[in-house]
Amino acid sequence: MTYQPNPRKFLTLGHHDDGKTESAEFSGAYPITQKIHIFGGVNRSLTDSITNKKNTGIAYESCCWALRVEYLKKHIDGNNYDNVTNFELVLKGL
């Protein structure tokens, strides 16, 4: 289920059940200025009571390019998590 009043402002709530595992997901984005927005989300296993993945980030967008920086924490196994910082540069109109 998604509520999206505009392309840079949204909230999403999801539920997944494949017969073996069940999880819930919540994510969203919110504009800070005309060109900058923040985003984040969390995916939690309802079966195992662990957080599968969570992310937060900030993005800058102009007419010709965009830059996004994201912090991602992803469950590997047991109490082990992979912590990643992603940088993405998008050149528009090429």
N, C-alpha and C. Protein backbone atom coordinates (compact mmCIF):
# COMPACT_ATOMS: atom_id res chain seq x y z
N MET A 1 0.85 -1.15 0.00
CA MET A 1 0.00 0.00 0.00
C MET A 1 0.91 1.23 0.00
N THR A 2 0.64 2.18 -0.89
CA THR A 2 1.47 3.37 -1.02
C THR A 2 0.61 4.63 -1.01
N TYR A 3 1.07 5.61 -0.27
CA TYR A 3 0.48 6.94 -0.29
C TYR A 3 1.53 7.85 -0.90
N GLN A 4 1.22 8.49 -2.04
CA GLN A 4 2.20 9.30 -2.76
C GLN A 4 1.56 10.59 -3.26
N PRO A 5 1.60 11.65 -2.45
CA PRO A 5 1.02 12.91 -2.91
C PRO A 5 1.83 13.58 -4.01
N ASN A 6 3.12 13.28 -4.11
CA ASN A 6 3.95 13.73 -5.24
C ASN A 6 5.14 12.77 -5.37
N PRO A 7 5.89 12.81 -6.48
CA PRO A 7 6.95 11.82 -6.72
C PRO A 7 8.06 11.79 -5.66
N ARG A 8 8.28 12.88 -4.93
CA ARG A 8 9.35 12.92 -3.95
C ARG A 8 8.84 12.79 -2.51
N LYS A 9 7.55 12.58 -2.34
CA LYS A 9 6.98 12.42 -1.00
C LYS A 9 6.06 11.20 -1.02
N PHE A 10 6.46 10.14 -0.28
CA PHE A 10 5.62 8.95 -0.26
C PHE A 10 5.84 8.14 1.01
N LEU A 11 4.88 7.31 1.33
CA LEU A 11 4.96 6.32 2.40
C LEU A 11 4.47 5.00 1.83
N THR A 12 5.20 3.93 2.10
CA THR A 12 4.83 2.61 1.61
C THR A 12 4.81 1.64 2.78
N LEU A 13 3.78 0.82 2.84
CA LEU A 13 3.66 -0.21 3.84
C LEU A 13 3.39 -1.51 3.10
N GLY A 14 4.20 -2.53 3.41
CA GLY A 14 4.04 -3.80 2.70
C GLY A 14 4.10 -4.99 3.63
N HIS A 15 3.54 -6.09 3.18
CA HIS A 15 3.55 -7.35 3.91
C HIS A 15 3.86 -8.46 2.92
N HIS A 16 4.79 -9.34 3.29
CA HIS A 16 5.20 -10.43 2.41
C HIS A 16 5.09 -11.76 3.17
N ASP A 17 4.52 -12.75 2.51
CA ASP A 17 4.40 -14.09 3.10
C ASP A 17 4.58 -15.10 1.98
N ASP A 18 5.70 -15.84 2.01
CA ASP A 18 5.95 -16.83 0.96
C ASP A 18 5.65 -18.26 1.42
N GLY A 19 4.96 -18.38 2.55
CA GLY A 19 4.64 -19.71 3.07
C GLY A 19 5.61 -20.19 4.12
N LYS A 20 6.88 -19.73 4.06
CA LYS A 20 7.90 -20.10 5.04
C LYS A 20 8.25 -18.95 5.97
N THR A 21 8.35 -17.76 5.40
CA THR A 21 8.70 -16.58 6.19
C THR A 21 7.70 -15.46 5.92
N GLU A 22 7.53 -14.63 6.93
CA GLU A 22 6.61 -13.51 6.84
C GLU A 22 7.35 -12.26 7.26
N SER A 23 7.19 -11.18 6.50
CA SER A 23 7.88 -9.94 6.84
C SER A 23 7.00 -8.73 6.55
N ALA A 24 7.34 -7.63 7.20
CA ALA A 24 6.64 -6.37 7.00
C ALA A 24 7.67 -5.32 6.61
N GLU A 25 7.25 -4.39 5.77
CA GLU A 25 8.17 -3.36 5.27
C GLU A 25 7.50 -1.99 5.34
N PHE A 26 8.30 -0.99 5.73
CA PHE A 26 7.84 0.39 5.79
C PHE A 26 8.93 1.26 5.19
N SER A 27 8.58 2.13 4.26
CA SER A 27 9.58 3.02 3.66
C SER A 27 8.92 4.33 3.28
N GLY A 28 9.77 5.33 3.05
CA GLY A 28 9.22 6.62 2.67
C GLY A 28 10.30 7.60 2.26
N ALA A 29 9.84 8.73 1.75
CA ALA A 29 10.73 9.83 1.36
C ALA A 29 10.00 11.13 1.64
N TYR A 30 10.80 12.17 1.93
CA TYR A 30 10.21 13.47 2.25
C TYR A 30 11.12 14.58 1.74
N PRO A 31 10.58 15.54 0.99
CA PRO A 31 11.42 16.63 0.49
C PRO A 31 11.76 17.63 1.59
N ILE A 32 13.02 18.04 1.63
CA ILE A 32 13.48 19.05 2.58
C ILE A 32 13.46 20.42 1.89
N THR A 33 13.95 20.44 0.66
CA THR A 33 13.90 21.64 -0.18
C THR A 33 13.44 21.21 -1.57
N GLN A 34 13.44 22.13 -2.51
CA GLN A 34 13.06 21.83 -3.89
C GLN A 34 13.95 20.75 -4.50
N LYS A 35 15.24 20.70 -4.10
CA LYS A 35 16.19 19.78 -4.72
C LYS A 35 16.70 18.68 -3.79
N ILE A 36 16.42 18.76 -2.51
CA ILE A 36 16.96 17.79 -1.55
C ILE A 36 15.81 17.05 -0.87
N HIS A 37 15.95 15.72 -0.78
CA HIS A 37 14.98 14.94 -0.01
C HIS A 37 15.69 13.85 0.79
N ILE A 38 15.04 13.41 1.84
CA ILE A 38 15.55 12.32 2.66
C ILE A 38 14.67 11.10 2.41
N PHE A 39 15.24 9.93 2.67
CA PHE A 39 14.48 8.69 2.47
C PHE A 39 14.96 7.64 3.45
N GLY A 40 14.17 6.62 3.64
CA GLY A 40 14.54 5.53 4.53
C GLY A 40 13.50 4.44 4.53
N GLY A 41 13.87 3.35 5.17
CA GLY A 41 12.95 2.23 5.24
C GLY A 41 13.46 1.14 6.16
N VAL A 42 12.57 0.24 6.50
CA VAL A 42 12.93 -0.91 7.33
C VAL A 42 12.12 -2.11 6.86
N ASN A 43 12.77 -3.28 6.84
CA ASN A 43 12.12 -4.55 6.52
C ASN A 43 12.38 -5.47 7.70
N ARG A 44 11.32 -5.94 8.33
CA ARG A 44 11.45 -6.75 9.53
C ARG A 44 10.78 -8.10 9.34
N SER A 45 11.49 -9.16 9.73
CA SER A 45 10.93 -10.51 9.68
C SER A 45 9.98 -10.70 10.85
N LEU A 46 8.74 -11.03 10.56
CA LEU A 46 7.77 -11.31 11.61
C LEU A 46 7.92 -12.74 12.10
N THR A 47 8.51 -13.59 11.27
CA THR A 47 8.73 -14.99 11.63
C THR A 47 9.87 -15.12 12.63
N ASP A 48 11.00 -14.44 12.36
CA ASP A 48 12.20 -14.56 13.19
C ASP A 48 12.40 -13.41 14.16
N SER A 49 11.58 -12.37 14.08
CA SER A 49 11.71 -11.17 14.92
C SER A 49 13.08 -10.52 14.79
N ILE A 50 13.57 -10.43 13.54
CA ILE A 50 14.83 -9.73 13.28
C ILE A 50 14.60 -8.68 12.20
N THR A 51 15.44 -7.67 12.20
CA THR A 51 15.38 -6.66 11.16
C THR A 51 16.22 -7.15 9.99
N ASN A 52 15.59 -7.42 8.86
CA ASN A 52 16.30 -7.90 7.67
C ASN A 52 17.15 -6.81 7.03
N LYS A 53 16.58 -5.61 6.97
CA LYS A 53 17.26 -4.53 6.28
C LYS A 53 16.69 -3.21 6.75
N LYS A 54 17.58 -2.21 6.91
CA LYS A 54 17.11 -0.85 7.13
C LYS A 54 18.06 0.11 6.43
N ASN A 55 17.50 1.19 5.93
CA ASN A 55 18.31 2.16 5.21
C ASN A 55 17.83 3.58 5.48
N THR A 56 18.76 4.50 5.38
CA THR A 56 18.46 5.93 5.47
C THR A 56 19.36 6.64 4.47
N GLY A 57 18.91 7.77 3.99
CA GLY A 57 19.74 8.48 3.02
C GLY A 57 19.24 9.87 2.72
N ILE A 58 20.03 10.54 1.91
CA ILE A 58 19.70 11.89 1.46
C ILE A 58 20.04 11.97 -0.02
N ALA A 59 19.25 12.74 -0.75
CA ALA A 59 19.45 12.85 -2.20
C ALA A 59 19.35 14.31 -2.63
N TYR A 60 20.17 14.65 -3.62
CA TYR A 60 20.12 15.97 -4.26
C TYR A 60 19.80 15.73 -5.72
N GLU A 61 18.82 16.46 -6.25
CA GLU A 61 18.45 16.30 -7.66
C GLU A 61 18.34 17.66 -8.34
N SER A 62 18.96 17.76 -9.50
CA SER A 62 18.81 18.95 -10.34
C SER A 62 18.27 18.51 -11.69
N CYS A 63 18.23 19.42 -12.63
CA CYS A 63 17.69 19.07 -13.95
C CYS A 63 18.56 18.06 -14.69
N CYS A 64 19.87 18.09 -14.45
CA CYS A 64 20.80 17.30 -15.25
C CYS A 64 21.46 16.14 -14.52
N TRP A 65 21.47 16.16 -13.20
CA TRP A 65 22.14 15.10 -12.45
C TRP A 65 21.52 14.96 -11.06
N ALA A 66 21.82 13.83 -10.42
CA ALA A 66 21.36 13.56 -9.06
C ALA A 66 22.47 12.85 -8.30
N LEU A 67 22.54 13.09 -7.01
CA LEU A 67 23.51 12.42 -6.14
C LEU A 67 22.76 11.88 -4.94
N ARG A 68 22.96 10.60 -4.64
CA ARG A 68 22.31 9.98 -3.49
C ARG A 68 23.37 9.33 -2.61
N VAL A 69 23.21 9.50 -1.31
CA VAL A 69 24.07 8.85 -0.33
C VAL A 69 23.14 8.06 0.59
N GLU A 70 23.46 6.78 0.78
CA GLU A 70 22.59 5.90 1.55
C GLU A 70 23.41 5.07 2.52
N TYR A 71 22.90 4.93 3.74
CA TYR A 71 23.46 4.00 4.72
C TYR A 71 22.53 2.80 4.77
N LEU A 72 23.08 1.60 4.61
CA LEU A 72 22.29 0.37 4.57
C LEU A 72 22.83 -0.61 5.59
N LYS A 73 21.95 -1.17 6.39
CA LYS A 73 22.31 -2.22 7.34
C LYS A 73 21.48 -3.44 6.98
N LYS A 74 22.16 -4.53 6.58
CA LYS A 74 21.47 -5.72 6.08
C LYS A 74 21.86 -6.94 6.91
N HIS A 75 20.86 -7.71 7.32
CA HIS A 75 21.10 -8.91 8.13
C HIS A 75 21.75 -10.00 7.28
N ILE A 76 22.81 -10.60 7.81
CA ILE A 76 23.48 -11.70 7.12
C ILE A 76 23.03 -13.03 7.73
N ASP A 77 23.34 -13.23 9.01
CA ASP A 77 22.89 -14.40 9.75
C ASP A 77 23.15 -14.17 11.24
N GLY A 78 22.42 -14.87 12.09
CA GLY A 78 22.60 -14.73 13.53
C GLY A 78 22.56 -13.28 13.97
N ASN A 79 23.66 -12.84 14.60
CA ASN A 79 23.77 -11.43 15.01
C ASN A 79 24.68 -10.65 14.08
N ASN A 80 24.93 -11.15 12.88
CA ASN A 80 25.84 -10.49 11.94
C ASN A 80 25.07 -9.65 10.93
N TYR A 81 25.55 -8.42 10.78
CA TYR A 81 24.95 -7.48 9.83
C TYR A 81 26.03 -6.92 8.93
N ASP A 82 25.65 -6.62 7.72
CA ASP A 82 26.54 -5.97 6.76
C ASP A 82 26.16 -4.49 6.73
N ASN A 83 27.12 -3.61 7.04
CA ASN A 83 26.89 -2.17 7.04
C ASN A 83 27.54 -1.57 5.80
N VAL A 84 26.75 -0.88 4.99
CA VAL A 84 27.24 -0.39 3.70
C VAL A 84 26.84 1.08 3.55
N THR A 85 27.74 1.87 2.97
CA THR A 85 27.41 3.23 2.56
C THR A 85 27.48 3.27 1.05
N ASN A 86 26.37 3.60 0.41
CA ASN A 86 26.29 3.66 -1.05
C ASN A 86 26.30 5.11 -1.52
N PHE A 87 27.01 5.36 -2.60
CA PHE A 87 27.01 6.64 -3.28
C PHE A 87 26.54 6.39 -4.70
N GLU A 88 25.59 7.19 -5.17
CA GLU A 88 25.08 7.01 -6.53
C GLU A 88 25.04 8.36 -7.23
N LEU A 89 25.66 8.42 -8.39
CA LEU A 89 25.63 9.61 -9.24
C LEU A 89 24.84 9.27 -10.49
N VAL A 90 23.79 10.04 -10.77
CA VAL A 90 22.94 9.79 -11.92
C VAL A 90 23.06 10.97 -12.87
N LEU A 91 23.45 10.69 -14.11
CA LEU A 91 23.50 11.72 -15.15
C LEU A 91 22.23 11.58 -15.98
N LYS A 92 21.41 12.61 -15.97
CA LYS A 92 20.11 12.55 -16.64
C LYS A 92 20.21 13.02 -18.09
N GLY A 93 19.38 12.44 -18.94
CA GLY A 93 19.28 12.89 -20.32
C GLY A 93 20.36 12.40 -21.26
N LEU A 94 21.14 11.42 -20.83
CA LEU A 94 22.19 10.89 -21.72
C LEU A 94 21.67 9.73 -22.54
